[in-house]
């Protein structure tokens, strides 16, 4: 028995505009009159479209190819979920078509495919989803995630620096890249619901964007982290999922700030580790995790993948970096690498008296002051000495060549806030750091007649 849709498809592929319109109307009627009441019969009939997409390039002109794509809404609504991979391959191939008319037809048709795929099933109140339904939704969520990821891969392929100047998709020049952006933003991730689906897919390991080599590296990183968790008896307290979530959600005023916040959170679980070799081992493991696990801010990519893609788009970048070191921005002014290091060496030379005074005189006497004169417990002495040592070290790193140059803004705000994201293995908050500095400055006032009013006001 001949398929009742066969002749209609032939008309859509070659007929006049009026004939095509009438044939498309009859395909729609078939969907309502046959597929809806007789699902199995209708499903078998719509399978013909799977054969037709294999012969799509045989359609003689762009207009009729677009007519055919515009008719796909009905098979998408009939067998879209069942044959999702076949439809997705067709969409991904022809969204790259040189004709804008074909690409626009693909964008419009994809909307119907996404509507048909069931990524969320509900039951009557009090009932649970069956095992089969749970597997079905899980599979469809993975299909959806892989499809979105494939579109983002194509965006990377067709990206050109000139597109950066356009704020809105509608303003972009006609191109495959613009069509891909429309497909991604207007169809696939058109609402918070679908964005959340994709976010969950990436968080749960949907890393289709990694190469086999990267997948192997990620596996090694995960193994190293799990060994550390086991080695330090952190099972139940720290998990791979927690680490991936921290990295996925990482944020900060700058990239370095975000990295430091992550490290600070991690090292809260390794407070008792004192051996520098072991601390370095821990730091390297979590540094690798940061570089190879996906970040939400990077649209599911890892920093490592971002670097590779940047170098691929800019093949001369690597050579230039070798030829010339980058400039530095100091006080809002750009200076060269050579000038920066010349300035640094000069500052270190000028800092020698300050450095000698702190190391040989202030810090040893401060320890005795806290322990003997203030009679503080050894742990409190140790904590305050650590704050003092790091305070002076940070001040020298910033280029202060004497104690008198240190300003109140650095003491009151800069250093206590910097501590929160840069000092690993410490749980001191800003107020506690501030309180510790008061001990230090009271000592300096008593032993060295330092005027502390500019830091704390009168009556320290």
Protein backbone atom coordinates (compact mmCIF):
# COMPACT_ATOMS: atom_id res chain seq x y z
CA UNK A 1 0.00 0.00 0.00
CA UNK A 2 1.46 3.32 -1.05
CA UNK A 3 2.14 5.88 1.64
CA UNK A 4 -0.62 8.54 1.46
CA UNK A 5 1.94 11.29 2.13
CA UNK A 6 4.26 10.35 -0.72
CA UNK A 7 2.48 12.28 -3.48
CA UNK A 8 2.02 15.30 -1.20
CA UNK A 9 5.75 15.36 -0.49
CA UNK A 10 6.54 15.23 -4.20
CA UNK A 11 4.30 18.25 -4.79
CA UNK A 12 5.97 20.13 -1.93
CA UNK A 13 9.35 19.37 -3.49
CA UNK A 14 8.50 20.47 -7.04
CA UNK A 15 5.03 22.05 -7.35
CA UNK A 16 3.92 25.62 -7.90
CA UNK A 17 3.55 27.83 -4.81
CA UNK A 18 -0.23 27.33 -4.87
CA UNK A 19 0.12 23.55 -5.21
CA UNK A 20 2.70 23.46 -2.41
CA UNK A 21 0.43 25.42 -0.09
CA UNK A 22 -2.46 23.04 -0.74
CA UNK A 23 -0.22 19.96 -0.25
CA UNK A 24 1.09 21.34 3.06
CA UNK A 25 -2.50 21.88 4.19
CA UNK A 26 -3.32 18.25 3.42
CA UNK A 27 -0.29 17.05 5.43
CA UNK A 28 -1.64 19.05 8.35
CA UNK A 29 -5.09 17.51 7.88
CA UNK A 30 -3.54 14.04 7.88
CA UNK A 31 -1.87 14.81 11.21
CA UNK A 32 -5.21 15.83 12.74
CA UNK A 33 -7.41 13.18 11.14
CA UNK A 34 -5.10 10.14 11.17
CA UNK A 35 -2.19 10.59 13.55
CA UNK A 36 -4.20 12.01 16.46
CA UNK A 37 -6.91 9.27 16.52
CA UNK A 38 -4.69 6.45 15.19
CA UNK A 39 -1.23 7.07 16.60
CA UNK A 40 0.50 3.91 15.40
CA UNK A 41 -0.81 4.20 11.83
CA UNK A 42 0.05 7.88 11.72
CA UNK A 43 3.52 7.26 13.16
CA UNK A 44 4.29 4.65 10.48
CA UNK A 45 3.11 7.01 7.76
CA UNK A 46 5.26 9.94 8.91
CA UNK A 47 8.38 7.72 8.85
CA UNK A 48 8.61 8.54 5.14
CA UNK A 49 10.10 11.90 6.07
CA UNK A 50 13.17 10.13 7.49
CA UNK A 51 13.87 8.76 4.02
CA UNK A 52 13.17 12.13 2.43
CA UNK A 53 15.71 14.06 4.51
CA UNK A 54 18.40 11.73 3.17
CA UNK A 55 17.50 12.93 -0.35
CA UNK A 56 17.12 16.59 0.62
CA UNK A 57 19.97 17.79 -1.62
CA UNK A 58 18.17 16.34 -4.63
CA UNK A 59 15.45 18.97 -4.33
CA UNK A 60 16.18 21.25 -7.26
CA UNK A 61 15.93 24.79 -5.87
CA UNK A 62 16.16 26.80 -2.63
CA UNK A 63 12.48 27.71 -2.52
CA UNK A 64 11.30 24.10 -2.64
CA UNK A 65 13.93 23.05 -0.12
CA UNK A 66 12.52 25.71 2.22
CA UNK A 67 8.95 24.49 1.52
CA UNK A 68 10.00 20.99 2.53
CA UNK A 69 11.66 22.15 5.77
CA UNK A 70 8.59 24.19 6.68
CA UNK A 71 6.51 21.00 6.43
CA UNK A 72 8.69 19.15 8.95
CA UNK A 73 6.68 20.51 11.88
CA UNK A 74 4.21 17.64 11.42
CA UNK A 75 6.70 14.73 11.47
CA UNK A 76 8.51 16.53 14.31
CA UNK A 77 5.27 16.46 16.28
CA UNK A 78 4.69 12.81 15.34
CA UNK A 79 8.06 11.07 15.60
CA UNK A 80 10.32 13.88 16.80
CA UNK A 81 11.23 12.34 20.13
CA UNK A 82 11.55 8.80 18.80
CA UNK A 83 14.04 9.81 16.08
CA UNK A 84 15.55 12.88 17.72
CA UNK A 85 19.14 12.11 16.72
CA UNK A 86 18.24 11.83 13.02
CA UNK A 87 16.38 15.14 13.06
CA UNK A 88 19.14 16.83 15.05
CA UNK A 89 21.77 15.72 12.52
CA UNK A 90 19.65 17.16 9.70
CA UNK A 91 19.22 20.48 11.55
CA UNK A 92 22.90 20.78 12.41
CA UNK A 93 23.88 20.12 8.80
CA UNK A 94 21.52 22.59 7.15
CA UNK A 95 21.75 25.39 9.68
CA UNK A 96 25.16 25.80 7.98
CA UNK A 97 23.59 26.10 4.52
CA UNK A 98 24.80 29.11 2.47
CA UNK A 99 21.21 30.22 1.87
CA UNK A 100 19.65 32.42 4.55
CA UNK A 101 16.20 31.20 3.50
CA UNK A 102 17.16 27.60 4.31
CA UNK A 103 18.72 28.59 7.61
CA UNK A 104 15.66 30.57 8.67
CA UNK A 105 13.41 27.64 7.79
CA UNK A 106 15.60 25.38 9.93
CA UNK A 107 15.37 27.78 12.90
CA UNK A 108 11.58 27.89 12.65
CA UNK A 109 11.19 24.13 12.26
CA UNK A 110 13.47 23.34 15.20
CA UNK A 111 11.03 25.07 17.51
CA UNK A 112 8.52 22.27 16.88
CA UNK A 113 11.10 19.56 17.52
CA UNK A 114 12.03 21.03 20.90
CA UNK A 115 8.38 21.35 21.87
CA UNK A 116 7.82 17.67 21.08
CA UNK A 117 10.69 16.20 23.08
CA UNK A 118 9.52 15.36 26.60
CA UNK A 119 12.12 16.51 29.11
CA UNK A 120 9.70 16.79 32.02
CA UNK A 121 6.82 14.42 32.79
CA UNK A 122 4.18 14.83 35.47
CA UNK A 123 1.73 12.39 37.06
CA UNK A 124 -1.46 12.72 39.01
CA UNK A 125 -1.08 13.96 42.59
CA UNK A 126 0.46 11.37 44.87
CA UNK A 127 1.83 9.16 42.09
CA UNK A 128 5.44 8.67 41.16
CA UNK A 129 6.89 8.47 37.69
CA UNK A 130 7.51 4.94 36.47
CA UNK A 131 11.04 3.72 35.95
CA UNK A 132 10.49 3.87 32.19
CA UNK A 133 9.30 7.47 32.34
CA UNK A 134 12.29 8.48 34.45
CA UNK A 135 14.65 6.88 31.95
CA UNK A 136 12.81 8.56 29.12
CA UNK A 137 13.12 12.06 30.58
CA UNK A 138 16.75 11.47 31.51
CA UNK A 139 17.56 10.38 27.97
CA UNK A 140 15.73 13.37 26.49
CA UNK A 141 17.50 15.82 28.78
CA UNK A 142 20.83 14.39 27.62
CA UNK A 143 19.68 14.63 23.99
CA UNK A 144 18.70 18.25 24.49
CA UNK A 145 21.99 19.08 26.24
CA UNK A 146 24.08 17.44 23.54
CA UNK A 147 22.12 19.25 20.84
CA UNK A 148 22.65 22.67 22.47
CA UNK A 149 26.30 21.87 22.97
CA UNK A 150 26.67 20.94 19.30
CA UNK A 151 25.16 24.29 18.30
CA UNK A 152 27.63 26.10 20.57
CA UNK A 153 30.46 24.16 18.95
CA UNK A 154 29.28 25.44 15.55
CA UNK A 155 29.19 28.97 16.96
CA UNK A 156 32.84 28.57 17.85
CA UNK A 157 33.53 27.32 14.32
CA UNK A 158 31.87 30.29 12.60
CA UNK A 159 32.91 33.00 15.05
CA UNK A 160 34.70 36.06 13.64
CA UNK A 161 36.06 38.98 15.72
CA UNK A 162 33.89 41.41 13.70
CA UNK A 163 30.77 40.00 15.40
CA UNK A 164 31.88 41.46 18.74
CA UNK A 165 30.80 44.95 17.71
CA UNK A 166 27.11 43.96 17.57
CA UNK A 167 25.09 44.18 20.75
CA UNK A 168 21.94 42.52 19.35
CA UNK A 169 21.51 39.46 17.14
CA UNK A 170 19.12 41.36 14.91
CA UNK A 171 21.89 43.88 14.11
CA UNK A 172 24.36 41.26 12.94
CA UNK A 173 25.12 40.83 9.23
CA UNK A 174 23.44 37.90 7.48
CA UNK A 175 25.63 34.87 8.15
CA UNK A 176 25.68 31.30 9.43
CA UNK A 177 26.85 32.69 12.77
CA UNK A 178 23.77 34.91 13.05
CA UNK A 179 21.47 31.97 12.26
CA UNK A 180 23.19 29.86 14.90
CA UNK A 181 22.76 32.63 17.46
CA UNK A 182 19.04 32.85 16.61
CA UNK A 183 18.72 29.07 16.91
CA UNK A 184 20.45 29.07 20.29
CA UNK A 185 18.86 32.13 21.89
CA UNK A 186 15.39 32.21 20.33
CA UNK A 187 14.67 28.48 20.18
CA UNK A 188 16.90 26.25 22.28
CA UNK A 189 17.54 28.50 25.30
CA UNK A 190 14.52 30.73 24.89
CA UNK A 191 13.48 30.67 28.57
CA UNK A 192 14.86 30.22 32.07
CA UNK A 193 13.45 26.69 32.04
CA UNK A 194 15.53 25.56 29.06
CA UNK A 195 18.60 27.42 30.29
CA UNK A 196 18.30 25.54 33.59
CA UNK A 197 18.04 22.23 31.70
CA UNK A 198 21.26 22.99 29.88
CA UNK A 199 22.99 24.21 33.03
CA UNK A 200 22.08 20.95 34.81
CA UNK A 201 23.34 18.97 31.83
CA UNK A 202 26.74 20.67 31.97
CA UNK A 203 27.00 20.43 35.75
CA UNK A 204 26.28 16.71 35.64
CA UNK A 205 29.17 15.99 33.32
CA UNK A 206 27.71 16.63 29.88
CA UNK A 207 31.08 17.64 28.53
CA UNK A 208 30.62 16.87 24.86
CA UNK A 209 32.87 19.84 24.12
CA UNK A 210 36.00 18.15 25.44
CA UNK A 211 38.36 16.33 23.12
CA UNK A 212 39.36 12.72 23.93
CA UNK A 213 42.62 14.08 25.32
CA UNK A 214 40.79 16.54 27.56
CA UNK A 215 38.38 13.84 28.74
CA UNK A 216 41.36 11.77 29.82
CA UNK A 217 42.85 14.75 31.67
CA UNK A 218 39.54 15.42 33.45
CA UNK A 219 39.41 11.79 34.52
CA UNK A 220 42.92 12.06 35.98
CA UNK A 221 42.01 15.29 37.79
CA UNK A 222 38.95 13.61 39.32
CA UNK A 223 41.07 10.65 40.43
CA UNK A 224 43.61 12.96 42.12
CA UNK A 225 40.88 14.84 43.93
CA UNK A 226 39.22 11.65 45.13
CA UNK A 227 42.56 10.33 46.41
CA UNK A 228 43.05 13.54 48.40
CA UNK A 229 39.54 13.23 49.83
CA UNK A 230 40.28 9.64 50.85
CA UNK A 231 43.78 10.41 52.13
CA UNK A 232 42.59 13.17 54.47
CA UNK A 233 39.43 11.33 55.60
CA UNK A 234 37.10 13.89 54.06
CA UNK A 235 34.51 11.48 52.70
CA UNK A 236 31.09 12.77 53.65
CA UNK A 237 32.49 16.28 54.16
CA UNK A 238 33.94 17.04 50.73
CA UNK A 239 32.86 15.46 47.42
CA UNK A 240 33.70 15.78 43.74
CA UNK A 241 30.22 17.17 43.16
CA UNK A 242 30.79 19.91 45.74
CA UNK A 243 34.07 20.87 44.07
CA UNK A 244 32.48 20.93 40.61
CA UNK A 245 29.59 23.03 41.92
CA UNK A 246 31.99 25.54 43.52
CA UNK A 247 33.87 25.88 40.24
CA UNK A 248 30.68 26.05 38.19
CA UNK A 249 29.27 28.84 40.39
CA UNK A 250 32.59 30.65 40.96
CA UNK A 251 32.40 34.44 40.96
CA UNK A 252 34.46 37.43 42.04
CA UNK A 253 35.34 41.00 41.18
CA UNK A 254 38.11 39.67 38.92
CA UNK A 255 39.20 36.26 37.68
CA UNK A 256 42.00 36.19 40.24
CA UNK A 257 39.52 37.10 42.96
CA UNK A 258 37.29 34.19 41.92
CA UNK A 259 40.27 31.80 41.89
CA UNK A 260 41.38 32.94 45.35
CA UNK A 261 37.87 32.57 46.77
CA UNK A 262 37.74 29.02 45.43
CA UNK A 263 41.15 28.14 46.91
CA UNK A 264 40.17 29.71 50.21
CA UNK A 265 37.04 27.55 50.37
CA UNK A 266 39.00 24.41 49.47
CA UNK A 267 41.80 24.93 51.98
CA UNK A 268 39.25 25.26 54.76
CA UNK A 269 39.12 21.45 54.57
CA UNK A 270 42.92 21.07 54.87
CA UNK A 271 43.62 23.36 57.84
CA UNK A 272 45.65 20.73 59.66
CA UNK A 273 48.11 20.15 56.80
CA UNK A 274 51.43 21.85 57.62
CA UNK A 275 53.91 20.11 55.33
CA UNK A 276 54.70 22.47 52.44
CA UNK A 277 55.16 19.61 49.95
CA UNK A 278 51.72 18.24 50.76
CA UNK A 279 50.17 21.69 50.60
CA UNK A 280 51.67 22.18 47.14
CA UNK A 281 50.27 18.82 46.06
CA UNK A 282 46.81 19.86 47.23
CA UNK A 283 47.08 23.27 45.57
CA UNK A 284 48.13 21.79 42.22
CA UNK A 285 45.26 19.29 42.27
CA UNK A 286 42.67 22.00 42.82
CA UNK A 287 44.35 24.32 40.34
CA UNK A 288 43.99 21.61 37.69
CA UNK A 289 40.33 21.17 38.69
CA UNK A 290 39.74 24.91 38.21
CA UNK A 291 41.38 24.87 34.77
CA UNK A 292 39.66 21.75 33.41
CA UNK A 293 36.17 21.71 34.97
CA UNK A 294 33.34 23.74 33.36
CA UNK A 295 32.41 27.23 34.53
CA UNK A 296 28.94 28.72 34.24
CA UNK A 297 30.44 32.12 33.41
CA UNK A 298 32.24 30.54 30.43
CA UNK A 299 29.01 28.97 29.12
CA UNK A 300 30.01 25.51 30.22
CA UNK A 301 33.58 25.66 28.96
CA UNK A 302 36.71 25.24 31.04
CA UNK A 303 39.47 27.89 31.13
CA UNK A 304 41.76 25.36 29.44
CA UNK A 305 39.31 24.93 26.56
CA UNK A 306 38.89 28.70 26.28
CA UNK A 307 42.65 29.14 25.91
CA UNK A 308 42.83 26.46 23.22
CA UNK A 309 39.99 28.05 21.27
CA UNK A 310 41.56 31.51 21.55
CA UNK A 311 44.88 30.22 20.23
CA UNK A 312 43.07 28.40 17.43
CA UNK A 313 41.31 31.61 16.37
CA UNK A 314 44.52 33.63 16.79
CA UNK A 315 47.39 31.35 15.68
CA UNK A 316 49.95 34.16 15.93
CA UNK A 317 49.11 34.92 19.55
CA UNK A 318 51.37 32.21 20.97
CA UNK A 319 54.34 33.38 18.94
CA UNK A 320 53.82 37.00 19.94
CA UNK A 321 53.69 36.07 23.60
CA UNK A 322 57.05 34.35 23.27
CA UNK A 323 58.55 37.26 21.35
CA UNK A 324 57.42 39.97 23.76
CA UNK A 325 56.32 39.81 27.39
CA UNK A 326 53.05 41.61 28.22
CA UNK A 327 52.75 45.15 29.49
CA UNK A 328 51.76 45.96 33.08
CA UNK A 329 49.22 48.54 34.27
CA UNK A 330 50.59 50.38 37.31
CA UNK A 331 48.59 53.28 38.75
CA UNK A 332 46.58 53.48 35.54
CA UNK A 333 49.73 53.75 33.41
CA UNK A 334 51.00 51.09 31.00
CA UNK A 335 54.65 50.17 31.44
CA UNK A 336 56.71 47.52 29.68
CA UNK A 337 57.84 44.23 31.17
CA UNK A 338 61.46 45.43 31.30
CA UNK A 339 60.53 48.74 32.94
CA UNK A 340 58.34 46.94 35.46
CA UNK A 341 61.12 44.65 36.57
CA UNK A 342 63.63 47.51 36.65
CA UNK A 343 61.24 49.40 38.92
CA UNK A 344 60.74 46.28 41.06
CA UNK A 345 64.47 45.74 41.51
CA UNK A 346 64.90 49.40 42.46
CA UNK A 347 62.08 49.15 45.04
CA UNK A 348 63.61 45.99 46.54
CA UNK A 349 66.92 47.77 46.90
CA UNK A 350 65.25 50.72 48.64
CA UNK A 351 63.25 48.35 50.87
CA UNK A 352 66.32 46.63 52.33
CA UNK A 353 66.46 48.72 55.56
CA UNK A 354 62.69 48.33 56.05
CA UNK A 355 62.88 44.59 55.39
CA UNK A 356 65.84 44.15 57.77
CA UNK A 357 64.07 46.14 60.54
CA UNK A 358 60.91 44.03 60.28
CA UNK A 359 62.61 40.64 60.07
CA UNK A 360 65.42 41.12 62.59
CA UNK A 361 63.84 43.48 65.08
CA UNK A 362 60.06 43.94 64.94
CA UNK A 363 58.78 40.39 64.46
CA UNK A 364 60.97 38.70 67.14
CA UNK A 365 60.20 41.42 69.69
CA UNK A 366 56.50 41.37 68.83
CA UNK A 367 56.36 37.64 69.59
CA UNK A 368 57.96 38.20 73.00
CA UNK A 369 55.66 41.14 73.66
CA UNK A 370 52.54 39.04 73.06
CA UNK A 371 53.77 36.04 75.01
CA UNK A 372 55.53 37.69 77.97
CA UNK A 373 54.01 41.13 78.44
CA UNK A 374 50.49 40.47 77.18
CA UNK A 375 50.54 36.86 78.47
CA UNK A 376 48.46 35.59 75.60
CA UNK A 377 47.98 31.85 74.93
CA UNK A 378 50.44 30.35 72.47
CA UNK A 379 47.80 29.85 69.77
CA UNK A 380 46.79 33.54 69.96
CA UNK A 381 50.45 34.56 69.85
CA UNK A 382 50.98 32.39 66.79
CA UNK A 383 47.90 33.80 65.04
CA UNK A 384 48.86 37.43 65.65
CA UNK A 385 52.45 36.88 64.58
CA UNK A 386 51.21 35.34 61.34
CA UNK A 387 49.00 38.37 60.68
CA UNK A 388 51.92 40.72 61.34
CA UNK A 389 54.32 38.78 59.10
CA UNK A 390 51.84 38.68 56.22
CA UNK A 391 50.91 42.34 56.74
CA UNK A 392 54.50 43.50 56.33
CA UNK A 393 55.06 41.12 53.43
CA UNK A 394 52.01 42.47 51.60
CA UNK A 395 53.07 46.06 52.25
CA UNK A 396 56.51 45.42 50.78
CA UNK A 397 55.04 43.59 47.80
CA UNK A 398 52.95 46.70 47.07
CA UNK A 399 56.14 48.76 47.01
CA UNK A 400 56.13 50.58 50.36
CA UNK A 401 59.79 51.25 51.10
CA UNK A 402 59.31 52.32 54.72
CA UNK A 403 56.71 52.00 57.46
CA UNK A 404 55.84 55.71 57.21
CA UNK A 405 54.61 55.23 53.63
CA UNK A 406 51.88 52.79 54.67
CA UNK A 407 48.52 54.57 54.50
CA UNK A 408 45.36 54.18 56.64
CA UNK A 409 43.27 52.93 53.68
CA UNK A 410 45.56 49.92 53.30
CA UNK A 411 45.47 49.18 57.05
CA UNK A 412 41.75 49.68 57.63
CA UNK A 413 40.30 48.24 54.44
CA UNK A 414 42.77 47.00 51.87
CA UNK A 415 44.65 44.41 53.89
CA UNK A 416 41.72 42.92 55.88
CA UNK A 417 39.72 42.49 52.66
CA UNK A 418 42.68 41.13 50.72
CA UNK A 419 43.20 38.56 53.48
CA UNK A 420 39.76 37.02 52.84
CA UNK A 421 40.63 35.79 49.36
CA UNK A 422 44.41 35.41 49.40
CA UNK A 423 45.46 33.81 52.69
CA UNK A 424 44.88 30.09 52.49
CA UNK A 425 44.26 28.00 55.57
CA UNK A 426 42.91 30.93 57.60
CA UNK A 427 39.33 31.51 58.76
CA UNK A 428 39.89 35.03 60.10
CA UNK A 429 37.24 37.49 58.95
CA UNK A 430 37.87 41.18 58.31
CA UNK A 431 37.10 42.20 61.90
CA UNK A 432 39.47 39.59 63.32
CA UNK A 433 42.28 40.73 61.03
CA UNK A 434 41.56 44.32 62.05
CA UNK A 435 41.65 43.37 65.74
CA UNK A 436 44.99 41.61 65.27
CA UNK A 437 46.45 44.69 63.57
CA UNK A 438 45.46 46.70 66.62
CA UNK A 439 47.72 44.47 68.73
CA UNK A 440 50.57 45.05 66.27
CA UNK A 441 50.16 48.82 66.15
CA UNK A 442 49.83 49.11 69.92
CA UNK A 443 53.13 47.24 70.17
CA UNK A 444 54.74 49.59 67.61
CA UNK A 445 53.44 52.61 69.53
CA UNK A 446 54.82 51.33 72.85
CA UNK A 447 58.19 50.01 71.65
CA UNK A 448 58.98 52.32 68.72
CA UNK A 449 56.97 55.47 69.50
CA UNK A 450 55.02 55.10 66.26
CA UNK A 451 52.17 57.58 65.98
CA UNK A 452 49.12 55.41 65.18
CA UNK A 453 46.47 58.14 65.08
CA UNK A 454 46.39 58.20 61.28
CA UNK A 455 45.49 54.50 61.29
CA UNK A 456 43.02 54.24 64.18
CA UNK A 457 42.43 57.74 65.51
CA UNK A 458 43.39 58.83 69.06
CA UNK A 459 43.10 56.47 71.97
CA UNK A 460 44.08 53.15 70.39
